[in-house]
C-alpha atoms as a PDB file:
ATOM      1  CA  MET A   1     177.753-216.428 -55.258  1.00  0.00           C
ATOM      2  CA  GLY A   2     175.438-215.722 -58.172  1.00  0.00           C
ATOM      3  CA  ARG A   3     172.433-216.830 -56.151  1.00  0.00           C
ATOM      4  CA  LEU A   4     173.550-214.667 -53.199  1.00  0.00           C
ATOM      5  CA  ARG A   5     173.869-211.583 -55.428  1.00  0.00           C
ATOM      6  CA  MET A   6     170.427-212.278 -56.811  1.00  0.00           C
ATOM      7  CA  VAL A   7     168.913-212.432 -53.313  1.00  0.00           C
ATOM      8  CA  LEU A   8     170.704-209.241 -52.238  1.00  0.00           C
ATOM      9  CA  ARG A   9     169.377-207.386 -55.277  1.00  0.00           C
ATOM     10  CA  ALA A  10     165.874-208.638 -54.504  1.00  0.00           C
ATOM     11  CA  LEU A  11     166.106-207.380 -50.911  1.00  0.00           C
ATOM     12  CA  VAL A  12     166.600-203.789 -52.074  1.00  0.00           C
ATOM     13  CA  SER A  13     164.261-204.021 -55.040  1.00  0.00           C
ATOM     14  CA  ARG A  14     161.073-201.967 -55.207  1.00  0.00           C
ATOM     15  CA  ARG A  15     159.036-205.029 -54.235  1.00  0.00           C
ATOM     16  CA  TYR A  16     160.873-205.770 -51.006  1.00  0.00           C
ATOM     17  CA  ARG A  17     162.640-202.558 -49.989  1.00  0.00           C
ATOM     18  CA  TRP A  18     160.078-201.493 -47.360  1.00  0.00           C
ATOM     19  CA  ALA A  19     159.788-204.987 -45.944  1.00  0.00           C
ATOM     20  CA  THR A  20     163.583-205.166 -45.824  1.00  0.00           C
ATOM     21  CA  LEU A  21     163.720-201.865 -43.959  1.00  0.00           C
ATOM     22  CA  ALA A  22     161.150-203.108 -41.436  1.00  0.00           C
ATOM     23  CA  VAL A  23     163.095-206.331 -40.888  1.00  0.00           C
ATOM     24  CA  VAL A  24     166.384-204.455 -40.453  1.00  0.00           C
ATOM     25  CA  LEU A  25     164.763-202.173 -37.887  1.00  0.00           C
ATOM     26  CA  GLY A  26     163.293-205.197 -36.120  1.00  0.00           C
ATOM     27  CA  MET A  27     166.698-206.896 -36.042  1.00  0.00           C
ATOM     28  CA  GLY A  28     168.233-203.714 -34.670  1.00  0.00           C
ATOM     29  CA  LEU A  29     165.616-203.506 -31.936  1.00  0.00           C
ATOM     30  CA  LEU A  30     166.159-207.134 -30.923  1.00  0.00           C
ATOM     31  CA  ALA A  31     169.923-206.635 -30.913  1.00  0.00           C
ATOM     32  CA  ARG A  32     169.496-203.478 -28.812  1.00  0.00           C
ATOM     33  CA  LEU A  33     167.563-205.498 -26.250  1.00  0.00           C
ATOM     34  CA  GLY A  34     170.480-207.912 -26.163  1.00  0.00           C
ATOM     35  CA  PHE A  35     172.970-205.108 -25.490  1.00  0.00           C
ATOM     36  CA  TRP A  36     170.597-203.726 -22.837  1.00  0.00           C
ATOM     37  CA  GLN A  37     170.745-207.057 -21.046  1.00  0.00           C
ATOM     38  CA  LEU A  38     174.549-206.962 -21.232  1.00  0.00           C
ATOM     39  CA  ASP A  39     174.429-203.494 -19.639  1.00  0.00           C
ATOM     40  CA  ARG A  40     172.192-204.910 -16.899  1.00  0.00           C
ATOM     41  CA  LEU A  41     174.700-207.710 -16.390  1.00  0.00           C
ATOM     42  CA  ALA A  42     177.540-205.217 -15.968  1.00  0.00           C
ATOM     43  CA  GLN A  43     175.463-203.258 -13.454  1.00  0.00           C
ATOM     44  CA  ARG A  44     174.626-206.452 -11.557  1.00  0.00           C
ATOM     45  CA  ARG A  45     178.293-207.425 -11.384  1.00  0.00           C
ATOM     46  CA  ALA A  46     179.256-203.968 -10.124  1.00  0.00           C
ATOM     47  CA  ALA A  47     176.495-204.043  -7.504  1.00  0.00           C
ATOM     48  CA  ASN A  48     177.569-207.529  -6.414  1.00  0.00           C
ATOM     49  CA  ALA A  49     181.143-206.332  -5.979  1.00  0.00           C
ATOM     50  CA  VAL A  50     179.989-203.470  -3.746  1.00  0.00           C
ATOM     51  CA  LEU A  51     177.682-205.799  -1.808  1.00  0.00           C
ATOM     52  CA  ALA A  52     180.397-208.405  -1.311  1.00  0.00           C
ATOM     53  CA  GLU A  53     182.725-205.738   0.062  1.00  0.00           C
ATOM     54  CA  SER A  54     180.006-204.540   2.434  1.00  0.00           C
ATOM     55  CA  LEU A  55     179.190-208.055   3.594  1.00  0.00           C
ATOM     56  CA  ASN A  56     182.816-208.720   4.452  1.00  0.00           C
ATOM     57  CA  ALA A  57     183.091-205.543   6.512  1.00  0.00           C
ATOM     58  CA  SER A  58     183.216-205.650  10.291  1.00  0.00           C
ATOM     59  CA  PRO A  59     179.874-205.367  12.145  1.00  0.00           C
ATOM     60  CA  VAL A  60     178.808-201.770  12.704  1.00  0.00           C
ATOM     61  CA  ASN A  61     177.369-200.331  15.910  1.00  0.00           C
ATOM     62  CA  LEU A  62     173.930-198.992  14.983  1.00  0.00           C
ATOM     63  CA  ALA A  63     174.168-196.343  17.673  1.00  0.00           C
ATOM     64  CA  ASP A  64     177.229-194.826  15.974  1.00  0.00           C
ATOM     65  CA  VAL A  65     175.821-194.625  12.433  1.00  0.00           C
ATOM     66  CA  VAL A  66     174.812-191.228  11.066  1.00  0.00           C
ATOM     67  CA  TRP A  67     171.630-192.033   9.167  1.00  0.00           C
ATOM     68  CA  GLU A  68     171.802-189.647   6.238  1.00  0.00           C
ATOM     69  CA  GLY A  69     171.227-190.167   2.539  1.00  0.00           C
ATOM     70  CA  ASP A  70     170.010-193.476   1.130  1.00  0.00           C
ATOM     71  CA  VAL A  71     169.821-195.972   3.994  1.00  0.00           C
ATOM     72  CA  ALA A  72     169.439-198.798   1.454  1.00  0.00           C
ATOM     73  CA  VAL A  73     173.244-198.983   1.252  1.00  0.00           C
ATOM     74  CA  TRP A  74     173.194-200.511   4.745  1.00  0.00           C
ATOM     75  CA  GLU A  75     170.915-203.406   3.855  1.00  0.00           C
ATOM     76  CA  ASN A  76     172.235-206.840   4.967  1.00  0.00           C
ATOM     77  CA  ARG A  77     175.234-205.265   6.702  1.00  0.00           C
ATOM     78  CA  LEU A  78     176.253-207.074   9.890  1.00  0.00           C
ATOM     79  CA  ALA A  79     175.576-204.928  12.936  1.00  0.00           C
ATOM     80  CA  PHE A  80     175.142-204.922  16.682  1.00  0.00           C
ATOM     81  CA  VAL A  81     173.440-202.646  19.176  1.00  0.00           C
ATOM     82  CA  GLU A  82     173.215-202.281  22.937  1.00  0.00           C
ATOM     83  CA  GLY A  83     170.174-201.254  24.920  1.00  0.00           C
ATOM     84  CA  GLU A  84     167.134-202.500  26.805  1.00  0.00           C
ATOM     85  CA  TYR A  85     164.003-204.011  25.308  1.00  0.00           C
ATOM     86  CA  ASP A  86     160.785-202.108  25.786  1.00  0.00           C
ATOM     87  CA  LEU A  87     158.738-205.238  26.392  1.00  0.00           C
ATOM     88  CA  ALA A  88     155.574-203.252  27.022  1.00  0.00           C
ATOM     89  CA  HIS A  89     155.624-202.367  23.310  1.00  0.00           C
ATOM     90  CA  GLN A  90     156.675-205.742  21.956  1.00  0.00           C
ATOM     91  CA  MET A  91     154.754-206.728  18.792  1.00  0.00           C
ATOM     92  CA  VAL A  92     154.233-209.739  16.580  1.00  0.00           C
ATOM     93  CA  LEU A  93     154.635-209.914  12.828  1.00  0.00           C
ATOM     94  CA  LEU A  94     151.768-212.038  11.546  1.00  0.00           C
ATOM     95  CA  VAL A  95     151.644-214.773   8.903  1.00  0.00           C
ATOM     96  CA  GLN A  96     155.228-216.010   9.242  1.00  0.00           C
ATOM     97  CA  ASN A  97     156.340-219.603   8.791  1.00  0.00           C
ATOM     98  CA  TRP A  98     159.262-221.771   9.717  1.00  0.00           C
ATOM     99  CA  GLN A  99     159.838-224.817   7.545  1.00  0.00           C
ATOM    100  CA  GLY A 100     156.145-224.971   6.721  1.00  0.00           C
ATOM    101  CA  ARG A 101     154.920-224.325  10.269  1.00  0.00           C
ATOM    102  CA  ALA A 102     152.647-221.362  10.957  1.00  0.00           C
ATOM    103  CA  GLY A 103     153.758-218.747  13.438  1.00  0.00           C
ATOM    104  CA  VAL A 104     154.772-215.146  14.078  1.00  0.00           C
ATOM    105  CA  HIS A 105     157.940-213.115  14.516  1.00  0.00           C
ATOM    106  CA  LEU A 106     158.596-211.212  17.712  1.00  0.00           C
ATOM    107  CA  ILE A 107     159.363-207.536  17.029  1.00  0.00           C
ATOM    108  CA  ALA A 108     160.578-205.491  20.005  1.00  0.00           C
ATOM    109  CA  PRO A 109     161.916-201.946  20.289  1.00  0.00           C
ATOM    110  CA  LEU A 110     165.401-201.863  21.798  1.00  0.00           C
ATOM    111  CA  VAL A 111     165.822-198.508  23.546  1.00  0.00           C
ATOM    112  CA  LEU A 112     169.321-197.066  23.181  1.00  0.00           C
ATOM    113  CA  GLY A 113     171.368-195.416  25.889  1.00  0.00           C
ATOM    114  CA  ASP A 114     169.948-191.940  25.312  1.00  0.00           C
ATOM    115  CA  GLY A 115     166.489-193.186  26.251  1.00  0.00           C
ATOM    116  CA  GLU A 116     164.989-191.222  23.357  1.00  0.00           C
ATOM    117  CA  THR A 117     165.881-193.470  20.427  1.00  0.00           C
ATOM    118  CA  ALA A 118     165.160-197.124  19.740  1.00  0.00           C
ATOM    119  CA  VAL A 119     165.660-199.661  16.995  1.00  0.00           C
ATOM    120  CA  LEU A 120     163.198-202.379  16.122  1.00  0.00           C
ATOM    121  CA  VAL A 121     164.637-205.868  16.526  1.00  0.00           C
ATOM    122  CA  ASP A 122     163.225-208.963  14.835  1.00  0.00           C
ATOM    123  CA  ARG A 123     163.871-211.417  17.659  1.00  0.00           C
ATOM    124  CA  GLY A 124     162.860-214.464  15.623  1.00  0.00           C
ATOM    125  CA  TRP A 125     160.041-216.913  14.966  1.00  0.00           C
ATOM    126  CA  ILE A 126     157.737-218.649  17.425  1.00  0.00           C
ATOM    127  CA  PRO A 127     154.896-221.071  16.586  1.00  0.00           C
ATOM    128  CA  GLU A 128     151.301-219.909  16.542  1.00  0.00           C
ATOM    129  CA  SER A 129     150.616-221.999  19.645  1.00  0.00           C
ATOM    130  CA  GLU A 130     152.996-219.791  21.680  1.00  0.00           C
ATOM    131  CA  ARG A 131     151.581-216.507  20.457  1.00  0.00           C
ATOM    132  CA  ASP A 132     149.429-215.901  23.553  1.00  0.00           C
ATOM    133  CA  ASN A 133     152.335-216.576  25.883  1.00  0.00           C
ATOM    134  CA  ILE A 134     155.127-214.423  24.452  1.00  0.00           C
ATOM    135  CA  SER A 135     156.100-213.124  27.891  1.00  0.00           C
ATOM    136  CA  GLN A 136     158.100-216.334  28.383  1.00  0.00           C
ATOM    137  CA  PHE A 137     160.590-214.960  25.830  1.00  0.00           C
ATOM    138  CA  ASP A 138     161.058-211.622  27.603  1.00  0.00           C
ATOM    139  CA  LEU A 139     164.621-210.407  28.154  1.00  0.00           C
ATOM    140  CA  SER A 140     165.026-207.704  30.768  1.00  0.00           C
ATOM    141  CA  GLY A 141     167.993-205.504  31.511  1.00  0.00           C
ATOM    142  CA  PRO A 142     170.822-204.383  29.202  1.00  0.00           C
ATOM    143  CA  VAL A 143     171.486-206.651  26.227  1.00  0.00           C
ATOM    144  CA  THR A 144     173.722-206.675  23.168  1.00  0.00           C
ATOM    145  CA  VAL A 145     171.993-207.867  20.015  1.00  0.00           C
ATOM    146  CA  ASN A 146     173.891-209.097  16.956  1.00  0.00           C
ATOM    147  CA  GLY A 147     172.314-209.425  13.549  1.00  0.00           C
ATOM    148  CA  TYR A 148     172.003-207.827  10.153  1.00  0.00           C
ATOM    149  CA  ILE A 149     170.329-204.647   8.950  1.00  0.00           C
ATOM    150  CA  ALA A 150     166.973-204.789   7.173  1.00  0.00           C
ATOM    151  CA  LEU A 151     164.975-202.017   5.502  1.00  0.00           C
ATOM    152  CA  SER A 152     161.502-200.782   6.353  1.00  0.00           C
ATOM    153  CA  GLN A 153     158.769-202.772   4.636  1.00  0.00           C
ATOM    154  CA  THR A 154     156.298-200.529   2.859  1.00  0.00           C
ATOM    155  CA  ILE A 155     153.818-200.752   0.012  1.00  0.00           C
ATOM    156  CA  SER A 156     153.410-198.173  -2.728  1.00  0.00           C
ATOM    157  CA  ARG A 157     149.785-197.181  -2.196  1.00  0.00           C
ATOM    158  CA  ASN A 158     149.747-196.912   1.561  1.00  0.00           C
ATOM    159  CA  THR A 159     152.985-196.753   3.497  1.00  0.00           C
ATOM    160  CA  ASN A 160     151.146-196.493   6.825  1.00  0.00           C
ATOM    161  CA  GLN A 161     149.526-199.635   8.121  1.00  0.00           C
ATOM    162  CA  SER A 162     148.401-197.847  11.266  1.00  0.00           C
ATOM    163  CA  VAL A 163     144.945-196.292  11.300  1.00  0.00           C
ATOM    164  CA  SER A 164     145.674-194.362  14.504  1.00  0.00           C
ATOM    165  CA  ASN A 165     148.543-193.382  16.773  1.00  0.00           C
ATOM    166  CA  GLN A 166     147.564-195.962  19.363  1.00  0.00           C
ATOM    167  CA  PHE A 167     149.963-198.824  19.954  1.00  0.00           C
ATOM    168  CA  GLN A 168     149.199-201.929  17.909  1.00  0.00           C
ATOM    169  CA  PRO A 169     150.559-205.318  19.030  1.00  0.00           C
ATOM    170  CA  GLU A 170     150.037-206.996  15.629  1.00  0.00           C
ATOM    171  CA  TRP A 171     151.492-206.062  12.248  1.00  0.00           C
ATOM    172  CA  TYR A 172     151.745-207.599   8.815  1.00  0.00           C
ATOM    173  CA  ARG A 173     155.014-205.888   7.893  1.00  0.00           C
ATOM    174  CA  VAL A 174     157.780-203.932   9.596  1.00  0.00           C
ATOM    175  CA  ASP A 175     156.718-200.480   8.441  1.00  0.00           C
ATOM    176  CA  ILE A 176     159.044-198.382  10.595  1.00  0.00           C
ATOM    177  CA  ALA A 177     157.320-195.036   9.989  1.00  0.00           C
ATOM    178  CA  ALA A 178     153.908-196.470  10.836  1.00  0.00           C
ATOM    179  CA  ILE A 179     155.160-198.237  13.954  1.00  0.00           C
ATOM    180  CA  GLU A 180     157.082-195.157  15.111  1.00  0.00           C
ATOM    181  CA  ALA A 181     153.832-193.169  15.148  1.00  0.00           C
ATOM    182  CA  THR A 182     152.522-195.524  17.865  1.00  0.00           C
ATOM    183  CA  LEU A 183     155.603-195.365  20.116  1.00  0.00           C
ATOM    184  CA  PRO A 184     156.830-192.721  22.595  1.00  0.00           C
ATOM    185  CA  TYR A 185     160.299-192.388  21.066  1.00  0.00           C
ATOM    186  CA  LYS A 186     162.069-192.044  17.738  1.00  0.00           C
ATOM    187  CA  LEU A 187     163.053-195.151  15.761  1.00  0.00           C
ATOM    188  CA  LEU A 188     166.132-195.673  13.621  1.00  0.00           C
ATOM    189  CA  PRO A 189     165.208-195.801   9.902  1.00  0.00           C
ATOM    190  CA  VAL A 190     166.276-199.448   9.681  1.00  0.00           C
ATOM    191  CA  TYR A 191     165.662-202.489  11.851  1.00  0.00           C
ATOM    192  CA  LEU A 192     167.880-205.323  13.036  1.00  0.00           C
ATOM    193  CA  VAL A 193     167.211-209.002  12.324  1.00  0.00           C
ATOM    194  CA  GLU A 194     168.797-210.942  15.158  1.00  0.00           C
ATOM    195  CA  SER A 195     171.209-213.696  14.134  1.00  0.00           C
ATOM    196  CA  PRO A 196     171.054-217.264  15.482  1.00  0.00           C
ATOM    197  CA  SER A 197     173.149-218.023  18.538  1.00  0.00           C
ATOM    198  CA  ALA A 198     176.396-219.936  18.220  1.00  0.00           C
ATOM    199  CA  ASP A 199     174.549-223.121  19.249  1.00  0.00           C
ATOM    200  CA  GLY A 200     172.024-222.697  16.465  1.00  0.00           C
ATOM    201  CA  ASN A 201     168.261-222.859  16.843  1.00  0.00           C
ATOM    202  CA  THR A 202     167.961-225.110  19.862  1.00  0.00           C
ATOM    203  CA  THR A 203     165.404-222.939  21.668  1.00  0.00           C
ATOM    204  CA  LEU A 204     162.713-220.496  20.633  1.00  0.00           C
ATOM    205  CA  PRO A 205     162.629-217.982  19.076  1.00  0.00           C
ATOM    206  CA  PHE A 206     164.161-219.535  15.958  1.00  0.00           C
ATOM    207  CA  ARG A 207     166.289-217.234  13.827  1.00  0.00           C
ATOM    208  CA  SER A 208     167.450-217.461  10.223  1.00  0.00           C
ATOM    209  CA  GLU A 209     170.851-216.637   8.804  1.00  0.00           C
ATOM    210  CA  ARG A 210     170.890-213.835   6.264  1.00  0.00           C
ATOM    211  CA  VAL A 211     170.484-215.036   2.689  1.00  0.00           C
ATOM    212  CA  ILE A 212     172.401-213.021   0.098  1.00  0.00           C
ATOM    213  CA  ASP A 213     171.970-213.380  -3.651  1.00  0.00           C
ATOM    214  CA  LEU A 214     175.290-212.698  -5.371  1.00  0.00           C
ATOM    215  CA  SER A 215     174.329-214.442  -8.588  1.00  0.00           C
ATOM    216  CA  GLU A 216     174.518-212.637 -11.909  1.00  0.00           C
ATOM    217  CA  GLY A 217     170.878-213.283 -12.680  1.00  0.00           C
ATOM    218  CA  PRO A 218     169.489-214.295 -16.085  1.00  0.00           C
ATOM    219  CA  HIS A 219     170.848-211.279 -17.980  1.00  0.00           C
ATOM    220  CA  LEU A 220     173.484-213.159 -20.006  1.00  0.00           C
ATOM    221  CA  SER A 221     171.049-215.854 -21.130  1.00  0.00           C
ATOM    222  CA  TYR A 222     168.475-213.184 -22.007  1.00  0.00           C
ATOM    223  CA  ALA A 223     171.085-211.289 -24.052  1.00  0.00           C
ATOM    224  CA  ILE A 224     171.970-214.436 -25.998  1.00  0.00           C
ATOM    225  CA  GLN A 225     168.275-215.062 -26.656  1.00  0.00           C
ATOM    226  CA  TRP A 226     167.712-211.544 -28.039  1.00  0.00           C
ATOM    227  CA  PHE A 227     170.754-211.833 -30.316  1.00  0.00           C
ATOM    228  CA  LEU A 228     169.512-215.215 -31.564  1.00  0.00           C
ATOM    229  CA  PHE A 229     166.048-213.777 -32.191  1.00  0.00           C
ATOM    230  CA  SER A 230     167.641-210.987 -34.236  1.00  0.00           C
ATOM    231  CA  LEU A 231     169.606-213.442 -36.352  1.00  0.00           C
ATOM    232  CA  LEU A 232     166.587-215.714 -36.701  1.00  0.00           C
ATOM    233  CA  LEU A 233     164.405-212.865 -37.944  1.00  0.00           C
ATOM    234  CA  GLY A 234     166.977-211.920 -40.580  1.00  0.00           C
ATOM    235  CA  GLY A 235     167.544-215.503 -41.637  1.00  0.00           C
ATOM    236  CA  MET A 236     163.832-216.261 -41.947  1.00  0.00           C
ATOM    237  CA  TYR A 237     163.265-213.118 -44.013  1.00  0.00           C
ATOM    238  CA  ILE A 238     166.114-213.914 -46.397  1.00  0.00           C
ATOM    239  CA  GLY A 239     164.773-217.457 -46.740  1.00  0.00           C
ATOM    240  CA  TYR A 240     161.309-216.090 -47.472  1.00  0.00           C
ATOM    241  CA  VAL A 241     162.592-213.728 -50.179  1.00  0.00           C
ATOM    242  CA  ASN A 242     164.740-216.446 -51.703  1.00  0.00           C
ATOM    243  CA  SER A 243     161.816-218.860 -51.901  1.00  0.00           C
ATOM    244  CA  HIS A 244     159.656-216.256 -53.685  1.00  0.00           C
ATOM    245  CA  LEU A 245     162.088-215.266 -56.424  1.00  0.00           C
ATOM    246  CA  PRO A 246     160.451-215.650 -59.864  1.00  0.00           C
ATOM    247  CA  PRO A 247     161.481-218.852 -61.656  1.00  0.00           C
ATOM    248  CA  GLU A 248     162.566-216.902 -64.768  1.00  0.00           C
ATOM    249  CA  ILE A 249     165.155-215.028 -62.711  1.00  0.00           C
ATOM    250  CA  GLU A 250     166.533-218.308 -61.482  1.00  0.00           C
ATOM    251  CA  GLU A 251     166.766-219.641 -65.017  1.00  0.00           C
ATOM    252  CA  LYS A 252     168.461-216.454 -66.309  1.00  0.00           C
ATOM    253  CA  GLN A 253     170.967-216.563 -63.489  1.00  0.00           C
ATOM    254  CA  ALA A 254     171.661-220.252 -64.148  1.00  0.00           C
ATOM    255  CA  SER A 255     172.333-219.558 -67.841  1.00  0.00           C
END
């Protein structure tokens, strides 16, 4: 206890007081980062709870949704829609792969019953070798498409891939606003990724099941690391001060 009192007095002495203050502030900052990660963890858990509830909800008819507010709340929600494909404006999404094989995704507007609105449908993947013969995958007449909702794919600097209002059959991302400018009707602000059939992927186009991340992420491990760093900084500083105490103080304390 005598040695501990001696170290504590040294920490607040004129020699070390400013260094002690800096270390305390550093420990506080590291601890604050730990609590910030715990806050992020709580937010992640709350978001996962909302997402899980949404994922377990019954499929929604896209034609009945009122698209107001933040459409991001609909992401990954199961949905279905009825209409007819506008095959004259079918597109391909370039640079797509399936289990390491190069190919494209078929993107087709599905015109709804009003004839004035459509939704883009990702019909699935086909190999590059079939790209010049996509008409073999055409579906004519009324269809019902089941899948899950996806959000428009944009980039921060330029949200419009299109350089003109002319129809483009090839795209690198599903930028709904840019694609809408090339079509003769209005598009829904989301698109539908078609789900695999009950028999699975036995015929082209191949389709993937939705992949949902409901993990809690690395926030807890990061929080523990920041708390450990805070304790380590304090412990190393105390050890440093203790090792630099003058020998005469040690002898006086021992006597």
